[in-house]
């Protein structure tokens, strides 16, 4: 049964046209580089819980945090914890809206 499903998936032809009710989205089209990071099981669990609380995939949360940190480093001002949380919330909710 598994072999049949695998074969069917391999032979599936993507339709030329997408039905009108389907919205095609490729939000990461401009991001072709993948970075692999080693984490302990505990660290991964903490990130996974934070991502679930934010209703985001873990990779999106990590990307948002990394980009926010780069912006802080570039601008030279980390700001207060409150300011940093405000920036993070703005970034998270921008992606979930």
PDB file of N, CA and C in Angstrom:
ATOM      1  N   UNK A   1       0.819  -1.185   0.000  1.00  0.00           N
ATOM      2  CA  UNK A   1       0.000   0.000   0.000  1.00  0.00           C
ATOM      3  C   UNK A   1       0.872   1.261   0.000  1.00  0.00           C
ATOM      4  N   UNK A   2       1.901   1.299   0.830  1.00  0.00           N
ATOM      5  CA  UNK A   2       2.793   2.450   0.884  1.00  0.00           C
ATOM      6  C   UNK A   2       3.506   2.642  -0.448  1.00  0.00           C
ATOM      7  N   UNK A   3       3.929   1.542  -1.054  1.00  0.00           N
ATOM      8  CA  UNK A   3       4.600   1.616  -2.351  1.00  0.00           C
ATOM      9  C   UNK A   3       3.666   2.174  -3.412  1.00  0.00           C
ATOM     10  N   UNK A   4       2.381   1.790  -3.351  1.00  0.00           N
ATOM     11  CA  UNK A   4       1.397   2.303  -4.313  1.00  0.00           C
ATOM     12  C   UNK A   4       1.220   3.809  -4.151  1.00  0.00           C
ATOM     13  N   UNK A   5       1.122   4.266  -2.907  1.00  0.00           N
ATOM     14  CA  UNK A   5       0.971   5.701  -2.655  1.00  0.00           C
ATOM     15  C   UNK A   5       2.201   6.474  -3.115  1.00  0.00           C
ATOM     16  N   UNK A   6       3.373   5.913  -2.877  1.00  0.00           N
ATOM     17  CA  UNK A   6       4.606   6.553  -3.326  1.00  0.00           C
ATOM     18  C   UNK A   6       4.664   6.656  -4.833  1.00  0.00           C
ATOM     19  N   UNK A   7       4.293   5.576  -5.517  1.00  0.00           N
ATOM     20  CA  UNK A   7       4.293   5.581  -6.982  1.00  0.00           C
ATOM     21  C   UNK A   7       3.283   6.589  -7.513  1.00  0.00           C
ATOM     22  N   UNK A   8       2.106   6.652  -6.886  1.00  0.00           N
ATOM     23  CA  UNK A   8       1.086   7.608  -7.321  1.00  0.00           C
ATOM     24  C   UNK A   8       1.583   9.041  -7.142  1.00  0.00           C
ATOM     25  N   UNK A   9       2.257   9.306  -6.036  1.00  0.00           N
ATOM     26  CA  UNK A   9       2.789  10.652  -5.796  1.00  0.00           C
ATOM     27  C   UNK A   9       3.867  11.006  -6.810  1.00  0.00           C
ATOM     28  N   UNK A  10       4.717  10.045  -7.139  1.00  0.00           N
ATOM     29  CA  UNK A  10       5.783  10.280  -8.119  1.00  0.00           C
ATOM     30  C   UNK A  10       5.218  10.546  -9.507  1.00  0.00           C
ATOM     31  N   UNK A  11       4.098   9.926  -9.835  1.00  0.00           N
ATOM     32  CA  UNK A  11       3.510  10.052 -11.173  1.00  0.00           C
ATOM     33  C   UNK A  11       2.489  11.173 -11.275  1.00  0.00           C
ATOM     34  N   UNK A  12       2.246  11.893 -10.188  1.00  0.00           N
ATOM     35  CA  UNK A  12       1.244  12.955 -10.187  1.00  0.00           C
ATOM     36  C   UNK A  12       1.684  14.095 -11.102  1.00  0.00           C
ATOM     37  N   UNK A  13       0.782  14.525 -11.947  1.00  0.00           N
ATOM     38  CA  UNK A  13       1.049  15.641 -12.863  1.00  0.00           C
ATOM     39  C   UNK A  13       0.374  16.893 -12.307  1.00  0.00           C
ATOM     40  N   UNK A  14       1.123  17.952 -12.162  1.00  0.00           N
ATOM     41  CA  UNK A  14       0.563  19.212 -11.682  1.00  0.00           C
ATOM     42  C   UNK A  14      -0.257  19.823 -12.810  1.00  0.00           C
ATOM     43  N   UNK A  15      -1.506  20.226 -12.518  1.00  0.00           N
ATOM     44  CA  UNK A  15      -2.349  20.805 -13.567  1.00  0.00           C
ATOM     45  C   UNK A  15      -1.754  22.106 -14.109  1.00  0.00           C
ATOM     46  N   UNK A  16      -2.033  22.368 -15.384  1.00  0.00           N
ATOM     47  CA  UNK A  16      -1.544  23.601 -16.023  1.00  0.00           C
ATOM     48  C   UNK A  16      -2.146  24.836 -15.359  1.00  0.00           C
ATOM     49  N   UNK A  17      -3.434  24.766 -15.036  1.00  0.00           N
ATOM     50  CA  UNK A  17      -4.102  25.901 -14.419  1.00  0.00           C
ATOM     51  C   UNK A  17      -4.547  25.530 -13.016  1.00  0.00           C
ATOM     52  N   UNK A  18      -4.445  26.491 -12.140  1.00  0.00           N
ATOM     53  CA  UNK A  18      -4.866  26.302 -10.755  1.00  0.00           C
ATOM     54  C   UNK A  18      -6.319  26.753 -10.657  1.00  0.00           C
ATOM     55  N   UNK A  19      -7.177  26.001  -9.946  1.00  0.00           N
ATOM     56  CA  UNK A  19      -8.571  26.436  -9.786  1.00  0.00           C
ATOM     57  C   UNK A  19      -8.646  27.842  -9.203  1.00  0.00           C
ATOM     58  N   UNK A  20      -9.691  28.578  -9.554  1.00  0.00           N
ATOM     59  CA  UNK A  20      -9.841  29.966  -9.141  1.00  0.00           C
ATOM     60  C   UNK A  20      -9.836  30.190  -7.646  1.00  0.00           C
ATOM     61  N   UNK A  21     -10.319  29.220  -6.871  1.00  0.00           N
ATOM     62  CA  UNK A  21     -10.397  29.405  -5.422  1.00  0.00           C
ATOM     63  C   UNK A  21      -9.060  29.142  -4.722  1.00  0.00           C
ATOM     64  N   UNK A  22      -8.058  28.665  -5.461  1.00  0.00           N
ATOM     65  CA  UNK A  22      -6.757  28.351  -4.874  1.00  0.00           C
ATOM     66  C   UNK A  22      -5.857  29.570  -4.967  1.00  0.00           C
ATOM     67  N   UNK A  23      -5.264  29.948  -3.851  1.00  0.00           N
ATOM     68  CA  UNK A  23      -4.346  31.093  -3.815  1.00  0.00           C
ATOM     69  C   UNK A  23      -2.917  30.561  -3.764  1.00  0.00           C
ATOM     70  N   UNK A  24      -2.135  30.865  -4.778  1.00  0.00           N
ATOM     71  CA  UNK A  24      -0.750  30.410  -4.843  1.00  0.00           C
ATOM     72  C   UNK A  24       0.119  31.395  -4.078  1.00  0.00           C
ATOM     73  N   UNK A  25       0.953  30.867  -3.214  1.00  0.00           N
ATOM     74  CA  UNK A  25       1.821  31.715  -2.403  1.00  0.00           C
ATOM     75  C   UNK A  25       3.218  31.122  -2.374  1.00  0.00           C
ATOM     76  N   UNK A  26       4.198  31.947  -2.616  1.00  0.00           N
ATOM     77  CA  UNK A  26       5.597  31.534  -2.537  1.00  0.00           C
ATOM     78  C   UNK A  26       6.371  32.577  -1.747  1.00  0.00           C
ATOM     79  N   UNK A  27       6.111  32.659  -0.439  1.00  0.00           N
ATOM     80  CA  UNK A  27       6.703  33.737   0.352  1.00  0.00           C
ATOM     81  C   UNK A  27       8.220  33.674   0.475  1.00  0.00           C
ATOM     82  N   UNK A  28       8.812  32.519   0.293  1.00  0.00           N
ATOM     83  CA  UNK A  28      10.260  32.398   0.463  1.00  0.00           C
ATOM     84  C   UNK A  28      10.991  32.291  -0.869  1.00  0.00           C
ATOM     85  N   UNK A  29      10.341  32.703  -1.939  1.00  0.00           N
ATOM     86  CA  UNK A  29      10.929  32.567  -3.264  1.00  0.00           C
ATOM     87  C   UNK A  29      12.286  33.252  -3.366  1.00  0.00           C
ATOM     88  N   UNK A  30      12.468  34.380  -2.703  1.00  0.00           N
ATOM     89  CA  UNK A  30      13.732  35.102  -2.770  1.00  0.00           C
ATOM     90  C   UNK A  30      14.767  34.622  -1.761  1.00  0.00           C
ATOM     91  N   UNK A  31      14.428  33.607  -0.996  1.00  0.00           N
ATOM     92  CA  UNK A  31      15.342  33.107   0.039  1.00  0.00           C
ATOM     93  C   UNK A  31      15.778  31.702  -0.323  1.00  0.00           C
ATOM     94  N   UNK A  32      16.870  31.600  -1.060  1.00  0.00           N
ATOM     95  CA  UNK A  32      17.316  30.302  -1.535  1.00  0.00           C
ATOM     96  C   UNK A  32      18.357  29.616  -0.678  1.00  0.00           C
ATOM     97  N   UNK A  33      18.862  30.273   0.345  1.00  0.00           N
ATOM     98  CA  UNK A  33      19.919  29.688   1.162  1.00  0.00           C
ATOM     99  C   UNK A  33      19.331  29.089   2.432  1.00  0.00           C
ATOM    100  N   UNK A  34      19.711  27.858   2.718  1.00  0.00           N
ATOM    101  CA  UNK A  34      19.262  27.171   3.927  1.00  0.00           C
ATOM    102  C   UNK A  34      20.442  27.071   4.886  1.00  0.00           C
ATOM    103  N   UNK A  35      20.193  27.367   6.155  1.00  0.00           N
ATOM    104  CA  UNK A  35      21.223  27.282   7.180  1.00  0.00           C
ATOM    105  C   UNK A  35      20.820  26.180   8.155  1.00  0.00           C
ATOM    106  N   UNK A  36      21.742  25.294   8.427  1.00  0.00           N
ATOM    107  CA  UNK A  36      21.495  24.211   9.373  1.00  0.00           C
ATOM    108  C   UNK A  36      22.164  24.555  10.695  1.00  0.00           C
ATOM    109  N   UNK A  37      21.423  24.415  11.785  1.00  0.00           N
ATOM    110  CA  UNK A  37      21.927  24.767  13.108  1.00  0.00           C
ATOM    111  C   UNK A  37      21.704  23.586  14.048  1.00  0.00           C
ATOM    112  N   UNK A  38      22.726  23.247  14.809  1.00  0.00           N
ATOM    113  CA  UNK A  38      22.593  22.161  15.790  1.00  0.00           C
ATOM    114  C   UNK A  38      22.069  22.722  17.104  1.00  0.00           C
ATOM    115  N   UNK A  39      21.025  22.082  17.620  1.00  0.00           N
ATOM    116  CA  UNK A  39      20.425  22.478  18.891  1.00  0.00           C
ATOM    117  C   UNK A  39      20.269  21.249  19.767  1.00  0.00           C
ATOM    118  N   UNK A  40      20.274  21.478  21.060  1.00  0.00           N
ATOM    119  CA  UNK A  40      19.959  20.370  21.965  1.00  0.00           C
ATOM    120  C   UNK A  40      18.452  20.115  21.869  1.00  0.00           C
ATOM    121  N   UNK A  41      18.027  18.971  22.348  1.00  0.00           N
ATOM    122  CA  UNK A  41      16.599  18.648  22.340  1.00  0.00           C
ATOM    123  C   UNK A  41      15.816  19.685  23.146  1.00  0.00           C
ATOM    124  N   UNK A  42      16.401  20.133  24.253  1.00  0.00           N
ATOM    125  CA  UNK A  42      15.735  21.136  25.089  1.00  0.00           C
ATOM    126  C   UNK A  42      15.595  22.469  24.344  1.00  0.00           C
ATOM    127  N   UNK A  43      16.666  22.906  23.679  1.00  0.00           N
ATOM    128  CA  UNK A  43      16.618  24.161  22.918  1.00  0.00           C
ATOM    129  C   UNK A  43      15.585  24.064  21.797  1.00  0.00           C
ATOM    130  N   UNK A  44      15.584  22.944  21.103  1.00  0.00           N
ATOM    131  CA  UNK A  44      14.613  22.753  20.020  1.00  0.00           C
ATOM    132  C   UNK A  44      13.191  22.794  20.574  1.00  0.00           C
ATOM    133  N   UNK A  45      12.979  22.144  21.713  1.00  0.00           N
ATOM    134  CA  UNK A  45      11.659  22.152  22.336  1.00  0.00           C
ATOM    135  C   UNK A  45      11.209  23.551  22.713  1.00  0.00           C
ATOM    136  N   UNK A  46      12.124  24.343  23.243  1.00  0.00           N
ATOM    137  CA  UNK A  46      11.796  25.725  23.609  1.00  0.00           C
ATOM    138  C   UNK A  46      11.412  26.530  22.372  1.00  0.00           C
ATOM    139  N   UNK A  47      12.176  26.365  21.306  1.00  0.00           N
ATOM    140  CA  UNK A  47      11.856  27.074  20.065  1.00  0.00           C
ATOM    141  C   UNK A  47      10.521  26.602  19.498  1.00  0.00           C
ATOM    142  N   UNK A  48      10.281  25.309  19.543  1.00  0.00           N
ATOM    143  CA  UNK A  48       9.030  24.764  19.018  1.00  0.00           C
ATOM    144  C   UNK A  48       7.837  25.316  19.796  1.00  0.00           C
ATOM    145  N   UNK A  49       7.946  25.372  21.117  1.00  0.00           N
ATOM    146  CA  UNK A  49       6.857  25.925  21.935  1.00  0.00           C
ATOM    147  C   UNK A  49       6.639  27.409  21.620  1.00  0.00           C
ATOM    148  N   UNK A  50       7.719  28.157  21.480  1.00  0.00           N
ATOM    149  CA  UNK A  50       7.597  29.583  21.144  1.00  0.00           C
ATOM    150  C   UNK A  50       6.936  29.758  19.785  1.00  0.00           C
ATOM    151  N   UNK A  51       7.295  28.917  18.836  1.00  0.00           N
ATOM    152  CA  UNK A  51       6.698  28.989  17.500  1.00  0.00           C
ATOM    153  C   UNK A  51       5.208  28.656  17.557  1.00  0.00           C
ATOM    154  N   UNK A  52       4.854  27.634  18.309  1.00  0.00           N
ATOM    155  CA  UNK A  52       3.442  27.258  18.442  1.00  0.00           C
ATOM    156  C   UNK A  52       2.641  28.379  19.089  1.00  0.00           C
ATOM    157  N   UNK A  53       3.202  29.017  20.108  1.00  0.00           N
ATOM    158  CA  UNK A  53       2.516  30.130  20.768  1.00  0.00           C
ATOM    159  C   UNK A  53       2.311  31.297  19.813  1.00  0.00           C
ATOM    160  N   UNK A  54       3.235  31.477  18.875  1.00  0.00           N
ATOM    161  CA  UNK A  54       3.132  32.561  17.893  1.00  0.00           C
ATOM    162  C   UNK A  54       2.362  32.131  16.647  1.00  0.00           C
ATOM    163  N   UNK A  55       1.903  30.871  16.614  1.00  0.00           N
ATOM    164  CA  UNK A  55       1.208  30.323  15.443  1.00  0.00           C
ATOM    165  C   UNK A  55       2.046  30.443  14.176  1.00  0.00           C
ATOM    166  N   UNK A  56       3.324  30.113  14.302  1.00  0.00           N
ATOM    167  CA  UNK A  56       4.255  30.180  13.179  1.00  0.00           C
ATOM    168  C   UNK A  56       5.017  28.868  13.070  1.00  0.00           C
ATOM    169  N   UNK A  57       5.476  28.533  11.874  1.00  0.00           N
ATOM    170  CA  UNK A  57       6.416  27.417  11.768  1.00  0.00           C
ATOM    171  C   UNK A  57       7.716  27.803  12.479  1.00  0.00           C
ATOM    172  N   UNK A  58       8.405  26.822  13.011  1.00  0.00           N
ATOM    173  CA  UNK A  58       9.631  27.092  13.767  1.00  0.00           C
ATOM    174  C   UNK A  58      10.662  27.818  12.902  1.00  0.00           C
ATOM    175  N   UNK A  59      10.767  27.458  11.632  1.00  0.00           N
ATOM    176  CA  UNK A  59      11.756  28.109  10.766  1.00  0.00           C
ATOM    177  C   UNK A  59      11.433  29.587  10.567  1.00  0.00           C
ATOM    178  N   UNK A  60      10.147  29.920  10.495  1.00  0.00           N
ATOM    179  CA  UNK A  60       9.753  31.321  10.339  1.00  0.00           C
ATOM    180  C   UNK A  60      10.107  32.118  11.583  1.00  0.00           C
ATOM    181  N   UNK A  61       9.844  31.544  12.750  1.00  0.00           N
ATOM    182  CA  UNK A  61      10.184  32.235  13.994  1.00  0.00           C
ATOM    183  C   UNK A  61      11.687  32.473  14.095  1.00  0.00           C
ATOM    184  N   UNK A  62      12.476  31.458  13.796  1.00  0.00           N
ATOM    185  CA  UNK A  62      13.936  31.600  13.853  1.00  0.00           C
ATOM    186  C   UNK A  62      14.401  32.664  12.860  1.00  0.00           C
ATOM    187  N   UNK A  63      13.824  32.665  11.655  1.00  0.00           N
ATOM    188  CA  UNK A  63      14.205  33.658  10.644  1.00  0.00           C
ATOM    189  C   UNK A  63      13.857  35.067  11.120  1.00  0.00           C
ATOM    190  N   UNK A  64      12.659  35.242  11.694  1.00  0.00           N
ATOM    191  CA  UNK A  64      12.252  36.559  12.195  1.00  0.00           C
ATOM    192  C   UNK A  64      13.214  37.040  13.276  1.00  0.00           C
ATOM    193  N   UNK A  65      13.542  36.140  14.204  1.00  0.00           N
ATOM    194  CA  UNK A  65      14.460  36.520  15.286  1.00  0.00           C
ATOM    195  C   UNK A  65      15.842  36.862  14.744  1.00  0.00           C
ATOM    196  N   UNK A  66      16.334  36.073  13.809  1.00  0.00           N
ATOM    197  CA  UNK A  66      17.672  36.319  13.258  1.00  0.00           C
ATOM    198  C   UNK A  66      17.710  37.643  12.496  1.00  0.00           C
ATOM    199  N   UNK A  67      16.693  37.894  11.690  1.00  0.00           N
ATOM    200  CA  UNK A  67      16.655  39.138  10.914  1.00  0.00           C
ATOM    201  C   UNK A  67      16.514  40.338  11.844  1.00  0.00           C
ATOM    202  N   UNK A  68      15.716  40.192  12.898  1.00  0.00           N
ATOM    203  CA  UNK A  68      15.583  41.278  13.870  1.00  0.00           C
ATOM    204  C   UNK A  68      16.926  41.575  14.527  1.00  0.00           C
ATOM    205  N   UNK A  69      17.658  40.531  14.870  1.00  0.00           N
ATOM    206  CA  UNK A  69      18.980  40.722  15.496  1.00  0.00           C
ATOM    207  C   UNK A  69      19.948  41.403  14.529  1.00  0.00           C
ATOM    208  N   UNK A  70      19.915  41.004  13.264  1.00  0.00           N
ATOM    209  CA  UNK A  70      20.770  41.654  12.263  1.00  0.00           C
ATOM    210  C   UNK A  70      20.428  43.135  12.141  1.00  0.00           C
ATOM    211  N   UNK A  71      19.145  43.446  12.166  1.00  0.00           N
ATOM    212  CA  UNK A  71      18.714  44.840  12.080  1.00  0.00           C
ATOM    213  C   UNK A  71      19.225  45.621  13.288  1.00  0.00           C
ATOM    214  N   UNK A  72      19.127  45.031  14.469  1.00  0.00           N
ATOM    215  CA  UNK A  72      19.612  45.682  15.690  1.00  0.00           C
ATOM    216  C   UNK A  72      21.111  45.928  15.591  1.00  0.00           C
ATOM    217  N   UNK A  73      21.851  44.920  15.160  1.00  0.00           N
ATOM    218  CA  UNK A  73      23.305  45.060  15.023  1.00  0.00           C
ATOM    219  C   UNK A  73      23.646  46.141  13.997  1.00  0.00           C
ATOM    220  N   UNK A  74      22.919  46.151  12.898  1.00  0.00           N
ATOM    221  CA  UNK A  74      23.179  47.134  11.847  1.00  0.00           C
ATOM    222  C   UNK A  74      22.890  48.545  12.326  1.00  0.00           C
ATOM    223  N   UNK A  75      21.770  48.714  13.026  1.00  0.00           N
ATOM    224  CA  UNK A  75      21.367  50.043  13.473  1.00  0.00           C
ATOM    225  C   UNK A  75      22.112  50.490  14.720  1.00  0.00           C
ATOM    226  N   UNK A  76      22.783  49.568  15.386  1.00  0.00           N
ATOM    227  CA  UNK A  76      23.613  49.908  16.530  1.00  0.00           C
ATOM    228  C   UNK A  76      22.879  50.208  17.814  1.00  0.00           C
ATOM    229  N   UNK A  77      21.590  49.924  17.865  1.00  0.00           N
ATOM    230  CA  UNK A  77      20.847  50.192  19.097  1.00  0.00           C
ATOM    231  C   UNK A  77      19.889  49.043  19.366  1.00  0.00           C
ATOM    232  N   UNK A  78      20.164  48.311  20.417  1.00  0.00           N
ATOM    233  CA  UNK A  78      19.307  47.177  20.754  1.00  0.00           C
ATOM    234  C   UNK A  78      17.987  47.649  21.353  1.00  0.00           C
ATOM    235  N   UNK A  79      18.008  48.746  22.075  1.00  0.00           N
ATOM    236  CA  UNK A  79      16.801  49.240  22.712  1.00  0.00           C
ATOM    237  C   UNK A  79      16.497  48.472  23.985  1.00  0.00           C
ATOM    238  N   UNK A  80      15.426  48.881  24.629  1.00  0.00           N
ATOM    239  CA  UNK A  80      15.011  48.210  25.856  1.00  0.00           C
ATOM    240  C   UNK A  80      14.351  46.882  25.507  1.00  0.00           C
ATOM    241  N   UNK A  81      14.144  46.063  26.515  1.00  0.00           N
ATOM    242  CA  UNK A  81      13.459  44.789  26.285  1.00  0.00           C
ATOM    243  C   UNK A  81      12.064  45.048  25.732  1.00  0.00           C
ATOM    244  N   UNK A  82      11.391  46.048  26.268  1.00  0.00           N
ATOM    245  CA  UNK A  82      10.053  46.395  25.779  1.00  0.00           C
ATOM    246  C   UNK A  82      10.058  46.780  24.310  1.00  0.00           C
ATOM    247  N   UNK A  83      11.046  47.577  23.901  1.00  0.00           N
ATOM    248  CA  UNK A  83      11.157  47.975  22.493  1.00  0.00           C
ATOM    249  C   UNK A  83      11.441  46.769  21.609  1.00  0.00           C
ATOM    250  N   UNK A  84      12.295  45.892  22.085  1.00  0.00           N
ATOM    251  CA  UNK A  84      12.623  44.691  21.311  1.00  0.00           C
ATOM    252  C   UNK A  84      11.399  43.795  21.173  1.00  0.00           C
ATOM    253  N   UNK A  85      10.623  43.634  22.244  1.00  0.00           N
ATOM    254  CA  UNK A  85       9.408  42.818  22.175  1.00  0.00           C
ATOM    255  C   UNK A  85       8.381  43.434  21.232  1.00  0.00           C
ATOM    256  N   UNK A  86       8.275  44.747  21.263  1.00  0.00           N
ATOM    257  CA  UNK A  86       7.351  45.429  20.363  1.00  0.00           C
ATOM    258  C   UNK A  86       7.729  45.176  18.913  1.00  0.00           C
ATOM    259  N   UNK A  87       9.028  45.273  18.598  1.00  0.00           N
ATOM    260  CA  UNK A  87       9.485  44.992  17.229  1.00  0.00           C
ATOM    261  C   UNK A  87       9.180  43.550  16.845  1.00  0.00           C
ATOM    262  N   UNK A  88       9.437  42.635  17.755  1.00  0.00           N
ATOM    263  CA  UNK A  88       9.203  41.221  17.483  1.00  0.00           C
ATOM    264  C   UNK A  88       7.719  40.956  17.254  1.00  0.00           C
ATOM    265  N   UNK A  89       6.857  41.503  18.105  1.00  0.00           N
ATOM    266  CA  UNK A  89       5.415  41.321  17.931  1.00  0.00           C
ATOM    267  C   UNK A  89       4.955  41.878  16.592  1.00  0.00           C
ATOM    268  N   UNK A  90       5.450  43.047  16.245  1.00  0.00           N
ATOM    269  CA  UNK A  90       5.079  43.661  14.971  1.00  0.00           C
ATOM    270  C   UNK A  90       5.456  42.739  13.818  1.00  0.00           C
ATOM    271  N   UNK A  91       6.645  42.187  13.873  1.00  0.00           N
ATOM    272  CA  UNK A  91       7.137  41.299  12.821  1.00  0.00           C
ATOM    273  C   UNK A  91       6.324  40.009  12.769  1.00  0.00           C
ATOM    274  N   UNK A  92       6.027  39.431  13.916  1.00  0.00           N
ATOM    275  CA  UNK A  92       5.252  38.184  13.966  1.00  0.00           C
ATOM    276  C   UNK A  92       3.852  38.410  13.421  1.00  0.00           C
ATOM    277  N   UNK A  93       3.177  39.458  13.887  1.00  0.00           N
ATOM    278  CA  UNK A  93       1.807  39.680  13.465  1.00  0.00           C
ATOM    279  C   UNK A  93       1.715  40.142  12.019  1.00  0.00           C
ATOM    280  N   UNK A  94       2.769  40.721  11.493  1.00  0.00           N
ATOM    281  CA  UNK A  94       2.799  41.081  10.079  1.00  0.00           C
ATOM    282  C   UNK A  94       2.720  39.814   9.230  1.00  0.00           C
ATOM    283  N   UNK A  95       3.326  38.720   9.710  1.00  0.00           N
ATOM    284  CA  UNK A  95       3.356  37.469   8.954  1.00  0.00           C
ATOM    285  C   UNK A  95       2.140  36.592   9.200  1.00  0.00           C
ATOM    286  N   UNK A  96       1.344  36.874  10.229  1.00  0.00           N
ATOM    287  CA  UNK A  96       0.173  36.045  10.510  1.00  0.00           C
ATOM    288  C   UNK A  96      -1.118  36.716  10.078  1.00  0.00           C
ATOM    289  N   UNK A  97      -1.033  37.964   9.658  1.00  0.00           N
ATOM    290  CA  UNK A  97      -2.246  38.698   9.261  1.00  0.00           C
ATOM    291  C   UNK A  97      -2.729  38.280   7.896  1.00  0.00           C
TER     292      UNK A  97
END
